[in-house]
Protein backbone atom coordinates (compact mmCIF):
# COMPACT_ATOMS: atom_id res chain seq x y z
CA MET A 1 -17.81 100.80 149.90
CA ASN A 2 -19.22 98.30 152.38
CA VAL A 3 -17.75 94.79 152.64
CA LYS A 4 -21.05 93.10 153.41
CA LYS A 5 -22.90 95.08 150.76
CA PHE A 6 -20.49 94.12 147.99
CA ALA A 7 -19.94 90.51 149.12
CA PRO A 8 -22.83 89.21 146.94
CA VAL A 9 -21.21 90.88 143.94
CA GLY A 10 -17.95 89.07 144.65
CA TYR A 11 -19.70 85.73 145.06
CA GLY A 12 -21.66 86.40 141.87
CA LEU A 13 -18.46 87.02 139.93
CA LEU A 14 -16.93 83.88 141.41
CA LEU A 15 -19.99 81.86 140.37
CA LEU A 16 -19.81 83.25 136.83
CA ALA A 17 -16.11 82.34 136.69
CA LEU A 18 -16.89 78.79 137.83
CA ILE A 19 -19.68 78.45 135.27
CA ALA A 20 -17.32 79.56 132.50
CA ALA A 21 -14.25 77.66 133.81
CA PRO A 22 -14.58 74.55 131.57
CA PHE A 23 -14.81 76.79 128.51
CA LEU A 24 -11.73 78.74 129.57
CA GLY A 25 -9.45 75.71 129.60
CA ALA A 26 -9.87 74.59 133.22
CA TYR A 27 -9.78 70.82 133.78
CA PRO A 28 -13.30 69.95 135.08
CA VAL A 29 -12.19 67.10 137.36
CA PHE A 30 -9.59 69.31 139.05
CA VAL A 31 -12.10 72.12 139.62
CA MET A 32 -14.64 69.61 140.98
CA LYS A 33 -12.04 68.31 143.41
CA LEU A 34 -11.33 71.87 144.48
CA LEU A 35 -15.07 72.52 144.97
CA CYS A 36 -15.42 69.43 147.17
CA PHE A 37 -12.57 70.54 149.41
CA ALA A 38 -13.89 74.10 149.49
CA LEU A 39 -17.22 72.74 150.77
CA PHE A 40 -15.36 70.55 153.27
CA ALA A 41 -13.40 73.56 154.57
CA SER A 42 -16.57 75.67 154.77
CA ALA A 43 -18.25 72.97 156.85
CA PHE A 44 -15.26 72.84 159.17
CA ASN A 45 -15.23 76.63 159.44
CA LEU A 46 -18.84 76.56 160.60
CA LEU A 47 -17.68 74.57 163.61
CA LEU A 48 -14.36 76.28 164.36
CA GLY A 49 -14.81 79.80 163.03
CA TYR A 50 -18.34 80.38 164.26
CA THR A 51 -18.79 77.99 167.19
CA GLY A 52 -15.25 77.84 168.55
CA LEU A 53 -14.99 74.04 168.50
CA LEU A 54 -11.71 72.66 167.12
CA SER A 55 -12.06 69.22 165.58
CA PHE A 56 -9.05 67.16 164.58
CA GLY A 57 -11.35 64.39 163.36
CA HIS A 58 -13.26 65.98 160.49
CA ALA A 59 -11.71 63.48 158.08
CA ALA A 60 -14.03 60.91 159.67
CA PHE A 61 -17.03 62.68 158.16
CA LEU A 62 -15.42 63.23 154.76
CA GLY A 63 -14.00 59.72 154.48
CA GLY A 64 -16.80 57.88 156.24
CA ALA A 65 -19.37 59.36 153.88
CA ALA A 66 -17.08 58.68 150.93
CA TYR A 67 -17.00 54.98 151.80
CA VAL A 68 -20.76 54.80 152.43
CA THR A 69 -21.56 56.47 149.11
CA GLY A 70 -19.02 54.38 147.22
CA HIS A 71 -20.37 51.13 148.69
CA ALA A 72 -24.00 52.12 148.15
CA VAL A 73 -23.47 53.07 144.50
CA LYS A 74 -21.03 50.31 143.53
CA VAL A 75 -22.28 47.32 145.52
CA TRP A 76 -25.93 48.07 146.19
CA GLY A 77 -26.53 49.74 142.86
CA ALA A 78 -27.94 52.92 144.41
CA THR A 79 -28.59 55.90 142.16
CA PRO A 80 -26.29 58.94 142.53
CA GLU A 81 -28.89 60.99 144.40
CA LEU A 82 -29.46 58.17 146.90
CA GLY A 83 -25.70 57.72 147.23
CA LEU A 84 -25.26 61.42 148.03
CA LEU A 85 -28.13 61.28 150.51
CA ALA A 86 -26.57 58.23 152.17
CA GLY A 87 -23.27 60.10 152.46
CA LEU A 88 -24.93 63.17 153.95
CA LEU A 89 -26.91 61.11 156.49
CA SER A 90 -23.88 58.99 157.44
CA GLY A 91 -21.88 62.18 158.03
CA ALA A 92 -24.67 63.54 160.22
CA ALA A 93 -24.84 60.26 162.18
CA LEU A 94 -21.09 60.24 162.76
CA GLY A 95 -21.28 63.90 163.79
CA LEU A 96 -24.02 63.09 166.29
CA VAL A 97 -21.92 60.36 167.91
CA MET A 98 -18.67 62.31 167.89
CA GLY A 99 -20.36 65.53 168.98
CA TRP A 100 -22.13 63.80 171.86
CA PHE A 101 -18.78 62.72 173.31
CA THR A 102 -16.94 65.93 172.43
CA ILE A 103 -19.23 68.60 173.90
CA ARG A 104 -18.89 67.06 177.34
CA ARG A 105 -15.27 68.16 177.51
CA GLN A 106 -13.51 71.49 177.03
CA GLY A 107 -10.38 72.66 175.25
CA ILE A 108 -7.68 70.22 174.25
CA TYR A 109 -9.54 67.26 175.78
CA ALA A 110 -12.48 67.78 173.43
CA THR A 111 -10.13 68.15 170.48
CA MET A 112 -8.27 64.94 171.30
CA ILE A 113 -11.56 63.05 171.56
CA THR A 114 -12.34 63.98 167.95
CA LEU A 115 -8.89 62.79 166.86
CA ALA A 116 -9.21 59.50 168.77
CA LEU A 117 -12.65 58.71 167.35
CA ALA A 118 -11.51 59.58 163.84
CA GLN A 119 -8.52 57.24 164.19
CA MET A 120 -10.87 54.47 165.29
CA LEU A 121 -12.78 54.95 162.05
CA PHE A 122 -9.52 54.92 160.08
CA PHE A 123 -8.53 51.53 161.49
CA ALA A 124 -12.05 50.23 160.89
CA ALA A 125 -11.77 51.30 157.24
CA LEU A 126 -8.41 49.54 157.06
CA GLN A 127 -9.69 46.25 158.48
CA LEU A 128 -13.30 45.88 157.34
CA PRO A 129 -13.68 43.69 154.23
CA PHE A 130 -16.18 45.86 152.35
CA THR A 131 -13.95 48.96 152.45
CA GLY A 132 -11.27 47.45 150.24
CA GLY A 133 -8.54 47.75 152.85
CA GLU A 134 -5.43 49.53 151.64
CA ASP A 135 -6.75 49.59 148.07
CA GLY A 136 -9.96 51.37 149.02
CA LEU A 137 -13.13 51.32 146.96
CA GLN A 138 -12.20 51.61 143.29
CA GLY A 139 -14.30 51.95 140.17
CA VAL A 140 -17.31 53.65 141.71
CA PRO A 141 -19.70 54.46 138.81
CA ARG A 142 -21.29 57.88 138.53
CA GLY A 143 -24.56 56.58 137.10
CA LYS A 144 -27.50 58.71 136.04
CA LEU A 145 -28.93 61.42 138.27
CA PHE A 146 -32.68 60.86 138.70
CA GLY A 147 -32.37 58.41 135.81
CA VAL A 148 -31.96 61.27 133.35
CA LEU A 149 -28.60 63.07 133.63
CA ASP A 150 -25.69 60.84 132.62
CA LEU A 151 -22.91 61.80 135.03
CA SER A 152 -20.27 59.83 133.11
CA SER A 153 -19.75 63.04 131.13
CA ASP A 154 -17.30 65.29 132.96
CA MET A 155 -19.16 68.40 131.83
CA THR A 156 -22.50 67.15 133.15
CA MET A 157 -20.89 66.02 136.39
CA TYR A 158 -19.18 69.39 136.72
CA TYR A 159 -22.36 71.44 136.63
CA VAL A 160 -24.21 69.03 138.92
CA CYS A 161 -21.29 69.29 141.36
CA LEU A 162 -21.32 73.08 141.09
CA VAL A 163 -25.07 73.28 141.83
CA ILE A 164 -24.75 71.00 144.87
CA VAL A 165 -21.78 72.92 146.29
CA VAL A 166 -23.47 76.30 145.76
CA LEU A 167 -26.68 75.13 147.46
CA ALA A 168 -24.72 73.67 150.38
CA PHE A 169 -22.71 76.89 150.71
CA LEU A 170 -25.94 78.92 150.73
CA LEU A 171 -27.18 76.67 153.54
CA ILE A 172 -24.03 77.50 155.52
CA VAL A 173 -24.56 81.23 154.88
CA ARG A 174 -28.19 80.98 155.96
CA THR A 175 -27.21 79.08 159.09
CA ILE A 176 -24.61 81.68 160.07
CA ASP A 177 -26.94 84.64 159.43
CA SER A 178 -29.87 83.06 161.30
CA PRO A 179 -30.71 83.54 165.02
CA PHE A 180 -29.22 80.08 165.51
CA GLY A 181 -25.95 81.34 164.04
CA GLN A 182 -26.00 84.36 166.32
CA VAL A 183 -26.26 82.04 169.32
CA LEU A 184 -23.28 80.07 168.01
CA ARG A 185 -21.27 83.29 167.82
CA GLY A 186 -22.29 84.09 171.36
CA ILE A 187 -21.16 80.66 172.54
CA LYS A 188 -17.80 81.15 170.86
CA GLU A 189 -17.26 84.59 172.36
CA ASN A 190 -18.58 83.94 175.88
CA GLU A 191 -20.18 80.58 176.62
CA PRO A 192 -20.89 81.29 180.34
CA ARG A 193 -22.80 84.42 179.34
CA ALA A 194 -24.82 82.47 176.76
CA THR A 195 -25.65 79.93 179.44
CA SER A 196 -26.70 82.68 181.85
CA LEU A 197 -29.10 84.00 179.19
CA GLY A 198 -30.90 80.67 179.24
CA TYR A 199 -29.44 78.93 176.20
CA ASP A 200 -28.68 75.23 176.38
CA THR A 201 -25.18 75.62 174.95
CA ASN A 202 -24.52 71.88 174.71
CA ARG A 203 -27.60 71.42 172.55
CA PHE A 204 -26.53 74.25 170.24
CA LYS A 205 -22.97 72.92 169.98
CA LEU A 206 -24.20 69.41 169.24
CA LEU A 207 -26.50 70.69 166.49
CA ALA A 208 -23.63 72.72 165.01
CA PHE A 209 -21.49 69.58 165.09
CA VAL A 210 -24.16 67.58 163.25
CA ILE A 211 -24.70 70.25 160.58
CA SER A 212 -20.97 70.62 160.00
CA ALA A 213 -20.51 66.84 159.82
CA ALA A 214 -23.45 66.41 157.43
CA ILE A 215 -22.08 69.01 155.00
CA ALA A 216 -18.58 67.52 155.29
CA GLY A 217 -20.16 64.13 154.55
CA LEU A 218 -21.84 65.58 151.48
CA ALA A 219 -18.44 66.85 150.32
CA GLY A 220 -16.95 63.38 150.77
CA ALA A 221 -19.86 61.70 148.97
CA LEU A 222 -19.59 64.13 146.08
CA LYS A 223 -15.83 63.60 145.90
CA THR A 224 -16.36 59.84 145.56
CA LEU A 225 -18.74 60.31 142.63
CA VAL A 226 -16.38 62.79 140.95
CA LEU A 227 -13.18 60.75 141.28
CA GLY A 228 -14.72 57.27 141.26
CA PHE A 229 -12.98 56.00 144.38
CA ALA A 230 -12.74 56.30 148.17
CA THR A 231 -9.41 55.56 149.85
CA LEU A 232 -7.80 55.52 153.27
CA SER A 233 -6.37 58.99 152.65
CA ASP A 234 -9.93 60.31 152.97
CA VAL A 235 -10.15 59.14 156.60
CA HIS A 236 -6.51 59.64 157.55
CA TRP A 237 -5.62 62.21 160.20
CA SER A 238 -3.69 64.20 157.60
CA ALA A 239 -7.00 65.02 155.86
CA SER A 240 -8.17 66.61 159.12
CA GLY A 241 -4.92 68.57 159.23
CA HIS A 242 -5.44 69.74 155.67
CA VAL A 243 -8.86 71.18 156.39
CA VAL A 244 -7.46 73.04 159.40
CA LEU A 245 -4.72 74.40 157.14
CA MET A 246 -7.23 75.48 154.48
CA THR A 247 -9.37 77.29 157.00
CA LEU A 248 -6.54 79.10 158.76
CA VAL A 249 -4.73 80.07 155.55
CA GLY A 250 -7.94 81.39 153.98
CA GLY A 251 -9.29 83.09 157.07
CA MET A 252 -11.08 81.46 160.00
CA GLY A 253 -14.46 82.97 160.80
CA THR A 254 -14.99 84.38 157.31
CA LEU A 255 -17.29 82.89 154.70
CA SER A 256 -14.90 83.38 151.81
CA GLY A 257 -11.77 82.31 153.70
CA PRO A 258 -12.23 78.52 153.42
CA LEU A 259 -12.92 78.88 149.69
CA VAL A 260 -9.65 80.74 149.15
CA GLY A 261 -7.72 78.48 151.52
CA ALA A 262 -8.96 75.33 149.76
CA ALA A 263 -8.02 76.79 146.38
CA VAL A 264 -4.52 77.65 147.59
CA VAL A 265 -3.81 74.28 149.25
CA VAL A 266 -5.32 72.08 146.50
CA ALA A 267 -3.60 74.08 143.77
CA LEU A 268 -0.28 73.78 145.58
CA GLU A 269 -0.66 70.03 145.99
CA ASN A 270 -1.40 69.59 142.31
CA LYS A 271 1.16 72.01 140.92
CA ILE A 272 4.19 71.58 143.18
CA GLY A 273 5.32 68.48 141.27
CA GLU A 274 5.03 70.27 137.93
CA LEU A 275 6.91 73.26 139.34
CA GLY A 276 9.67 70.99 140.60
CA ASN A 277 10.11 69.39 137.18
CA LEU A 278 10.23 72.82 135.55
CA LEU A 279 12.84 74.12 138.00
CA ALA A 280 14.90 70.97 137.57
CA SER A 281 14.94 71.45 133.79
CA LEU A 282 15.91 75.11 134.13
CA THR A 283 18.56 74.76 136.83
CA THR A 284 19.81 71.17 136.32
CA ILE A 285 19.34 70.60 140.08
CA ASP A 286 18.00 67.05 140.44
CA TRP A 287 16.56 67.77 143.92
CA PHE A 288 13.73 69.72 142.32
CA ASN A 289 12.48 66.49 140.72
CA THR A 290 11.56 65.22 144.18
CA LEU A 291 9.71 68.39 145.10
CA GLY A 292 6.39 66.76 144.28
CA GLU A 293 7.05 64.20 147.03
CA SER A 294 7.62 67.02 149.53
CA VAL A 295 4.13 68.53 149.36
CA THR A 296 3.71 68.32 153.14
CA ILE A 297 6.92 70.28 153.72
CA VAL A 298 5.93 72.98 151.26
CA THR A 299 2.36 73.34 152.56
CA GLY A 300 3.71 73.40 156.10
CA LEU A 301 6.07 76.21 155.13
CA ILE A 302 3.16 78.10 153.56
CA PHE A 303 1.19 77.64 156.77
CA VAL A 304 4.04 79.01 158.90
CA VAL A 305 4.42 82.03 156.62
CA CYS A 306 0.68 82.73 156.70
CA VAL A 307 0.52 82.44 160.49
CA LEU A 308 3.46 84.83 160.89
CA ALA A 309 2.54 87.31 158.15
CA PHE A 310 -1.25 86.93 157.84
CA ARG A 311 -2.55 85.98 161.26
CA ARG A 312 -6.16 86.51 160.19
CA GLY A 313 -5.67 84.46 157.02
CA ILE A 314 -5.70 85.79 153.47
CA MET A 315 -9.33 86.91 153.38
CA GLY A 316 -9.26 87.99 157.02
CA GLU A 317 -6.41 90.38 156.28
CA ILE A 318 -8.11 91.70 153.14
CA ILE A 319 -11.36 92.34 155.02
CA ALA A 320 -9.50 94.01 157.89
CA TRP A 321 -7.64 96.23 155.40
CA LEU A 322 -10.90 97.25 153.73
CA GLU A 323 -12.44 98.03 157.11
CA ARG A 324 -9.48 100.20 158.04
CA ARG A 325 -10.09 102.14 154.84
CA GLY A 326 -13.64 102.84 155.92
CA ALA A 327 -15.29 99.80 154.38
CA GLY A 328 -17.59 99.44 157.41
CA GLY A 329 -18.91 96.29 159.07
CA GLY A 330 -19.86 92.91 157.65
CA GLY A 331 -16.47 91.34 158.18
CA SER A 332 -17.88 87.80 158.10
CA HIS A 333 -17.85 87.74 154.31
């Protein structure tokens, strides 16, 4: 058994499960939300897991694109495909600006620059009149894709969302497996050596930043169409923290890790409240009723447990276990 050899089989089974999910009782809107965050985490992992750049401002790309798409579709009357394109391009533009400032610093200084710039965007979203302020952009219509597919149907929107996420994920895979991706790995492992080999490392890091930001922007734009709104929570620093959590819990530097991490975190956020109500009814302890308001505490506890018990993340540990049993190379999947 070889991990890399059988990875396509695993992804194929996952795709089949996602195709069948609405017919197996899964709530389409919830799965679409999960897919958007899985794509967001995969985009972040491209920057951290494969380039070694830690961004605490990735919410700027998710939320900024969400606002651009929401405004374009709701106010300007743009079609869904143009709205998604606007979100992708706005994410890339924000990534270009943020990356240009970030790559000129190293370590914690670069990370804090991303946080500072993201917070600037948050306050802009809070103050600018066309963002809706604290209420955000509400009632964003889905419209018709290419004038044909009516996205107001959850089932139609689900399969359109699935196709977009799969194509974007394949782009990430192709990027990582390309010569460009090999250079990014080299920069992460030993940047001075990559420089000595003649590579302009700043140019490669900036391009990685733009690609990651563009895909994160696409995730934010898609999320706006799915849910019909864009709010301040999309650009808040906590959204950046969530994507870090998803990536580390799932497995940084693995392709499947962010998918698993996003599923774990999003499922926890949506089910903790229900679990609390159930426990309260079974134990008559009223504190459990407030468990849904303590999502941050619970997810933080999960993060601590994963860091202590699964330092490589869930998928990282599974891949390492398979390799120890003679599974061979290909640990990036």
